[in-house]
Amino acid sequence: MEVTAKKNETVASMIFSSIYPHYLNRIEKNGRTKEELDQVIRWFTGINQQTLQIFISDKSTFRDFFNAAKVHPNVHLIKGVVCGYRIEEIKDEFMVYKQCRRMEKLIDELAKGRKMDKILRQEK
């Protein structure tokens, strides 16, 4: 599937704090914890816990969230399909959408019980 400018803008305009509870619910249903979810998000974004809490509490968009992020240098190792989109095929011009899908891939792996050292990718 192709990402469009409209789809990128739709995701960029979504409020992070309205989606975070869905992430949390998903991982908790599968026996994982808020602390693990936050660890994955902090690894991916480079955002500290205090700043993450602010994003969880306020009305910032995903655009704001990813603009504040210093995305981990190993994000290129996050590959696969999320919501019908192959992450590595999403064009860089749709970076908010791409980053959102990368983060969702990590959250999916967490929910599926993957070990944390595999989720938090390291160069070999």
N, C-alpha and C. Protein backbone atom coordinates (compact mmCIF):
# COMPACT_ATOMS: atom_id res chain seq x y z
N MET A 1 0.83 -1.18 0.00
CA MET A 1 0.00 0.00 0.00
C MET A 1 0.88 1.25 0.00
N GLU A 2 0.37 2.28 -0.59
CA GLU A 2 1.08 3.56 -0.69
C GLU A 2 0.62 4.51 0.40
N VAL A 3 1.57 5.18 1.02
CA VAL A 3 1.25 6.25 1.95
C VAL A 3 1.06 7.52 1.13
N THR A 4 0.05 8.30 1.48
CA THR A 4 -0.21 9.56 0.78
C THR A 4 0.06 10.72 1.72
N ALA A 5 0.16 11.90 1.16
CA ALA A 5 0.35 13.10 1.97
C ALA A 5 -0.83 13.27 2.93
N LYS A 6 -2.03 12.95 2.46
CA LYS A 6 -3.22 13.08 3.31
C LYS A 6 -3.14 12.13 4.50
N LYS A 7 -2.75 10.89 4.27
CA LYS A 7 -2.63 9.91 5.36
C LYS A 7 -1.54 10.34 6.35
N ASN A 8 -0.41 10.83 5.83
CA ASN A 8 0.66 11.33 6.68
C ASN A 8 0.15 12.47 7.56
N GLU A 9 -0.59 13.38 6.97
CA GLU A 9 -1.12 14.53 7.72
C GLU A 9 -2.15 14.09 8.75
N THR A 10 -2.96 13.12 8.41
CA THR A 10 -3.96 12.61 9.36
C THR A 10 -3.26 12.05 10.60
N VAL A 11 -2.24 11.23 10.39
CA VAL A 11 -1.49 10.65 11.52
C VAL A 11 -0.75 11.75 12.28
N ALA A 12 -0.12 12.66 11.56
CA ALA A 12 0.64 13.74 12.20
C ALA A 12 -0.25 14.60 13.09
N SER A 13 -1.52 14.72 12.74
CA SER A 13 -2.45 15.57 13.50
C SER A 13 -3.13 14.84 14.67
N MET A 14 -2.95 13.54 14.75
CA MET A 14 -3.57 12.79 15.84
C MET A 14 -2.92 13.17 17.17
N ILE A 15 -3.70 13.16 18.23
CA ILE A 15 -3.22 13.52 19.56
C ILE A 15 -2.58 12.30 20.20
N PHE A 16 -1.30 12.43 20.55
CA PHE A 16 -0.56 11.30 21.13
C PHE A 16 -1.25 10.75 22.37
N SER A 17 -1.72 11.64 23.24
CA SER A 17 -2.32 11.19 24.50
C SER A 17 -3.63 10.44 24.29
N SER A 18 -4.25 10.58 23.13
CA SER A 18 -5.49 9.84 22.86
C SER A 18 -5.18 8.42 22.36
N ILE A 19 -3.97 8.19 21.86
CA ILE A 19 -3.58 6.89 21.33
C ILE A 19 -2.81 6.07 22.37
N TYR A 20 -2.05 6.74 23.22
CA TYR A 20 -1.24 6.04 24.22
C TYR A 20 -2.06 5.03 25.04
N PRO A 21 -3.27 5.36 25.52
CA PRO A 21 -4.04 4.36 26.28
C PRO A 21 -4.34 3.09 25.49
N HIS A 22 -4.47 3.20 24.17
CA HIS A 22 -4.69 2.02 23.34
C HIS A 22 -3.43 1.15 23.29
N TYR A 23 -2.27 1.80 23.20
CA TYR A 23 -1.01 1.06 23.27
C TYR A 23 -0.93 0.32 24.61
N LEU A 24 -1.22 1.04 25.68
CA LEU A 24 -1.12 0.48 27.03
C LEU A 24 -2.09 -0.69 27.21
N ASN A 25 -3.32 -0.51 26.79
CA ASN A 25 -4.31 -1.57 26.90
C ASN A 25 -3.86 -2.82 26.15
N ARG A 26 -3.34 -2.61 24.96
CA ARG A 26 -2.90 -3.75 24.14
C ARG A 26 -1.80 -4.55 24.81
N ILE A 27 -0.80 -3.89 25.35
CA ILE A 27 0.32 -4.63 25.93
C ILE A 27 -0.07 -5.24 27.28
N GLU A 28 -0.91 -4.54 28.05
CA GLU A 28 -1.32 -5.07 29.35
C GLU A 28 -2.19 -6.32 29.19
N LYS A 29 -3.03 -6.37 28.15
CA LYS A 29 -3.84 -7.57 27.87
C LYS A 29 -2.95 -8.78 27.63
N ASN A 30 -1.74 -8.53 27.22
CA ASN A 30 -0.81 -9.60 26.90
C ASN A 30 0.28 -9.77 27.96
N GLY A 31 0.01 -9.24 29.17
CA GLY A 31 0.90 -9.48 30.30
C GLY A 31 2.13 -8.61 30.38
N ARG A 32 2.18 -7.54 29.60
CA ARG A 32 3.32 -6.63 29.67
C ARG A 32 2.93 -5.42 30.52
N THR A 33 3.90 -4.59 30.86
CA THR A 33 3.66 -3.49 31.79
C THR A 33 3.83 -2.12 31.15
N LYS A 34 3.27 -1.11 31.82
CA LYS A 34 3.44 0.29 31.40
C LYS A 34 4.92 0.64 31.37
N GLU A 35 5.67 0.15 32.35
CA GLU A 35 7.11 0.44 32.41
C GLU A 35 7.82 -0.09 31.17
N GLU A 36 7.43 -1.28 30.71
CA GLU A 36 8.03 -1.83 29.50
C GLU A 36 7.63 -1.01 28.27
N LEU A 37 6.37 -0.63 28.20
CA LEU A 37 5.91 0.22 27.09
C LEU A 37 6.70 1.52 27.06
N ASP A 38 6.80 2.17 28.21
CA ASP A 38 7.53 3.44 28.27
C ASP A 38 9.00 3.25 27.92
N GLN A 39 9.59 2.12 28.33
CA GLN A 39 10.99 1.85 27.99
C GLN A 39 11.17 1.75 26.49
N VAL A 40 10.26 1.07 25.82
CA VAL A 40 10.33 0.94 24.36
C VAL A 40 10.20 2.31 23.70
N ILE A 41 9.23 3.10 24.15
CA ILE A 41 9.02 4.43 23.55
C ILE A 41 10.23 5.33 23.82
N ARG A 42 10.78 5.27 25.03
CA ARG A 42 11.96 6.09 25.36
C ARG A 42 13.16 5.67 24.50
N TRP A 43 13.35 4.36 24.32
CA TRP A 43 14.47 3.89 23.48
C TRP A 43 14.30 4.42 22.06
N PHE A 44 13.09 4.30 21.53
CA PHE A 44 12.83 4.70 20.16
C PHE A 44 13.00 6.20 19.96
N THR A 45 12.50 7.00 20.89
CA THR A 45 12.43 8.45 20.70
C THR A 45 13.56 9.23 21.37
N GLY A 46 14.23 8.63 22.33
CA GLY A 46 15.24 9.36 23.09
C GLY A 46 14.63 10.36 24.07
N ILE A 47 13.32 10.31 24.23
CA ILE A 47 12.61 11.20 25.15
C ILE A 47 12.69 10.61 26.55
N ASN A 48 13.02 11.43 27.54
CA ASN A 48 13.10 10.92 28.91
C ASN A 48 11.70 10.71 29.50
N GLN A 49 11.63 10.04 30.65
CA GLN A 49 10.34 9.69 31.24
C GLN A 49 9.51 10.92 31.59
N GLN A 50 10.14 11.94 32.11
CA GLN A 50 9.41 13.16 32.49
C GLN A 50 8.75 13.79 31.26
N THR A 51 9.49 13.90 30.18
CA THR A 51 8.94 14.48 28.95
C THR A 51 7.87 13.57 28.36
N LEU A 52 8.09 12.26 28.42
CA LEU A 52 7.08 11.32 27.93
C LEU A 52 5.78 11.50 28.72
N GLN A 53 5.87 11.67 30.03
CA GLN A 53 4.68 11.88 30.86
C GLN A 53 3.92 13.12 30.43
N ILE A 54 4.65 14.16 30.06
CA ILE A 54 4.01 15.39 29.58
C ILE A 54 3.23 15.09 28.30
N PHE A 55 3.84 14.35 27.37
CA PHE A 55 3.14 14.01 26.13
C PHE A 55 1.92 13.12 26.39
N ILE A 56 2.01 12.24 27.39
CA ILE A 56 0.89 11.37 27.74
C ILE A 56 -0.25 12.19 28.32
N SER A 57 0.08 13.28 28.99
CA SER A 57 -0.92 14.09 29.70
C SER A 57 -1.52 15.22 28.87
N ASP A 58 -0.78 15.74 27.90
CA ASP A 58 -1.28 16.94 27.21
C ASP A 58 -1.90 16.61 25.86
N LYS A 59 -2.13 17.60 25.07
CA LYS A 59 -2.83 17.46 23.78
C LYS A 59 -1.89 17.62 22.59
N SER A 60 -0.67 17.18 22.71
CA SER A 60 0.30 17.29 21.62
C SER A 60 0.00 16.27 20.53
N THR A 61 0.29 16.67 19.31
CA THR A 61 0.09 15.79 18.16
C THR A 61 1.29 14.84 18.00
N PHE A 62 1.11 13.85 17.15
CA PHE A 62 2.24 12.98 16.82
C PHE A 62 3.35 13.79 16.15
N ARG A 63 2.99 14.82 15.38
CA ARG A 63 4.00 15.69 14.78
C ARG A 63 4.85 16.33 15.88
N ASP A 64 4.20 16.89 16.90
CA ASP A 64 4.92 17.50 18.02
C ASP A 64 5.79 16.46 18.71
N PHE A 65 5.21 15.29 18.93
CA PHE A 65 5.91 14.21 19.62
C PHE A 65 7.19 13.83 18.88
N PHE A 66 7.08 13.59 17.58
CA PHE A 66 8.26 13.17 16.82
C PHE A 66 9.22 14.33 16.57
N ASN A 67 8.72 15.56 16.55
CA ASN A 67 9.63 16.71 16.45
C ASN A 67 10.49 16.84 17.70
N ALA A 68 9.96 16.43 18.84
CA ALA A 68 10.72 16.48 20.10
C ALA A 68 11.66 15.29 20.25
N ALA A 69 11.46 14.28 19.44
CA ALA A 69 12.23 13.04 19.56
C ALA A 69 13.60 13.15 18.91
N LYS A 70 14.52 12.42 19.49
CA LYS A 70 15.82 12.18 18.85
C LYS A 70 15.84 10.67 18.60
N VAL A 71 15.29 10.30 17.45
CA VAL A 71 15.04 8.90 17.14
C VAL A 71 16.34 8.10 17.18
N HIS A 72 16.26 6.92 17.76
CA HIS A 72 17.43 6.04 17.95
C HIS A 72 18.12 5.76 16.61
N PRO A 73 19.44 5.73 16.60
CA PRO A 73 20.16 5.50 15.34
C PRO A 73 19.92 4.10 14.73
N ASN A 74 19.41 3.17 15.52
CA ASN A 74 19.17 1.82 14.99
C ASN A 74 17.76 1.61 14.45
N VAL A 75 17.00 2.68 14.25
CA VAL A 75 15.64 2.50 13.76
C VAL A 75 15.60 1.86 12.37
N HIS A 76 16.68 1.98 11.63
CA HIS A 76 16.71 1.34 10.31
C HIS A 76 16.61 -0.18 10.41
N LEU A 77 16.83 -0.72 11.61
CA LEU A 77 16.73 -2.16 11.82
C LEU A 77 15.29 -2.62 12.05
N ILE A 78 14.37 -1.66 12.19
CA ILE A 78 12.96 -1.99 12.40
C ILE A 78 12.33 -2.20 11.03
N LYS A 79 11.97 -3.43 10.76
CA LYS A 79 11.43 -3.79 9.44
C LYS A 79 10.19 -4.64 9.62
N GLY A 80 9.41 -4.72 8.58
CA GLY A 80 8.23 -5.56 8.61
C GLY A 80 6.98 -4.80 8.20
N VAL A 81 5.85 -5.45 8.39
CA VAL A 81 4.57 -4.91 7.97
C VAL A 81 3.75 -4.52 9.20
N VAL A 82 3.21 -3.31 9.17
CA VAL A 82 2.31 -2.83 10.21
C VAL A 82 1.13 -2.19 9.51
N CYS A 83 -0.07 -2.63 9.86
CA CYS A 83 -1.31 -2.08 9.27
C CYS A 83 -1.28 -2.12 7.74
N GLY A 84 -0.67 -3.15 7.19
CA GLY A 84 -0.64 -3.31 5.74
C GLY A 84 0.46 -2.54 5.03
N TYR A 85 1.28 -1.82 5.77
CA TYR A 85 2.37 -1.04 5.17
C TYR A 85 3.71 -1.66 5.53
N ARG A 86 4.54 -1.93 4.54
CA ARG A 86 5.90 -2.39 4.80
C ARG A 86 6.72 -1.16 5.18
N ILE A 87 7.22 -1.17 6.41
CA ILE A 87 7.90 0.00 6.98
C ILE A 87 9.03 0.50 6.09
N GLU A 88 9.85 -0.42 5.62
CA GLU A 88 11.02 0.00 4.86
C GLU A 88 10.67 0.56 3.48
N GLU A 89 9.41 0.43 3.05
CA GLU A 89 8.98 0.98 1.76
C GLU A 89 8.27 2.32 1.90
N ILE A 90 8.06 2.79 3.13
CA ILE A 90 7.41 4.09 3.33
C ILE A 90 8.44 5.18 3.01
N LYS A 91 8.09 6.08 2.12
CA LYS A 91 9.02 7.12 1.68
C LYS A 91 9.35 8.08 2.83
N ASP A 92 10.59 8.57 2.83
CA ASP A 92 11.04 9.48 3.87
C ASP A 92 10.27 10.80 3.90
N GLU A 93 9.63 11.16 2.78
CA GLU A 93 8.85 12.39 2.78
C GLU A 93 7.63 12.28 3.71
N PHE A 94 7.28 11.06 4.09
CA PHE A 94 6.18 10.83 5.03
C PHE A 94 6.75 10.35 6.37
N MET A 95 7.71 11.10 6.89
CA MET A 95 8.48 10.65 8.05
C MET A 95 7.63 10.47 9.30
N VAL A 96 6.67 11.33 9.55
CA VAL A 96 5.84 11.15 10.76
C VAL A 96 5.11 9.82 10.68
N TYR A 97 4.55 9.52 9.54
CA TYR A 97 3.85 8.26 9.35
C TYR A 97 4.82 7.08 9.53
N LYS A 98 5.98 7.20 8.95
CA LYS A 98 6.99 6.14 9.03
C LYS A 98 7.42 5.92 10.48
N GLN A 99 7.67 7.01 11.21
CA GLN A 99 8.09 6.87 12.60
C GLN A 99 6.97 6.27 13.45
N CYS A 100 5.75 6.67 13.18
CA CYS A 100 4.61 6.12 13.91
C CYS A 100 4.51 4.62 13.68
N ARG A 101 4.66 4.19 12.45
CA ARG A 101 4.58 2.76 12.14
C ARG A 101 5.76 1.99 12.74
N ARG A 102 6.94 2.60 12.75
CA ARG A 102 8.09 1.95 13.39
C ARG A 102 7.80 1.74 14.88
N MET A 103 7.31 2.77 15.54
CA MET A 103 7.02 2.66 16.97
C MET A 103 5.93 1.61 17.21
N GLU A 104 4.92 1.59 16.36
CA GLU A 104 3.85 0.59 16.50
C GLU A 104 4.39 -0.82 16.31
N LYS A 105 5.35 -0.99 15.44
CA LYS A 105 5.98 -2.31 15.24
C LYS A 105 6.63 -2.77 16.55
N LEU A 106 7.34 -1.88 17.21
CA LEU A 106 7.97 -2.22 18.48
C LEU A 106 6.92 -2.57 19.53
N ILE A 107 5.85 -1.80 19.57
CA ILE A 107 4.77 -2.05 20.53
C ILE A 107 4.09 -3.38 20.22
N ASP A 108 3.90 -3.70 18.95
CA ASP A 108 3.35 -5.00 18.55
C ASP A 108 4.24 -6.13 19.05
N GLU A 109 5.53 -5.98 18.88
CA GLU A 109 6.47 -7.01 19.34
C GLU A 109 6.40 -7.17 20.85
N LEU A 110 6.30 -6.06 21.56
CA LEU A 110 6.17 -6.10 23.02
C LEU A 110 4.90 -6.87 23.40
N ALA A 111 3.79 -6.55 22.76
CA ALA A 111 2.51 -7.20 23.05
C ALA A 111 2.55 -8.70 22.73
N LYS A 112 3.33 -9.07 21.75
CA LYS A 112 3.41 -10.48 21.36
C LYS A 112 4.41 -11.28 22.19
N GLY A 113 5.02 -10.61 23.17
CA GLY A 113 5.90 -11.32 24.10
C GLY A 113 7.36 -11.42 23.69
N ARG A 114 7.74 -10.67 22.68
CA ARG A 114 9.14 -10.70 22.25
C ARG A 114 10.03 -10.18 23.38
N LYS A 115 11.21 -10.72 23.50
CA LYS A 115 12.14 -10.29 24.55
C LYS A 115 12.61 -8.86 24.29
N MET A 116 12.77 -8.14 25.39
CA MET A 116 13.13 -6.72 25.31
C MET A 116 14.44 -6.51 24.56
N ASP A 117 15.43 -7.38 24.75
CA ASP A 117 16.71 -7.19 24.06
C ASP A 117 16.57 -7.36 22.54
N LYS A 118 15.55 -8.06 22.08
CA LYS A 118 15.28 -8.18 20.65
C LYS A 118 14.51 -6.95 20.13
N ILE A 119 13.61 -6.43 20.96
CA ILE A 119 12.82 -5.25 20.57
C ILE A 119 13.73 -4.03 20.43
N LEU A 120 14.61 -3.85 21.42
CA LEU A 120 15.52 -2.70 21.43
C LEU A 120 16.75 -3.07 20.60
N ARG A 121 16.61 -2.95 19.32
CA ARG A 121 17.57 -3.45 18.36
C ARG A 121 18.97 -2.86 18.54
N GLN A 122 19.95 -3.76 18.37
CA GLN A 122 21.35 -3.37 18.41
C GLN A 122 22.02 -3.82 17.12
N GLU A 123 23.00 -3.05 16.67
CA GLU A 123 23.78 -3.44 15.49
C GLU A 123 24.54 -4.71 15.84
N LYS A 124 24.70 -5.58 14.83
CA LYS A 124 25.45 -6.83 15.06
C LYS A 124 26.89 -6.65 14.75
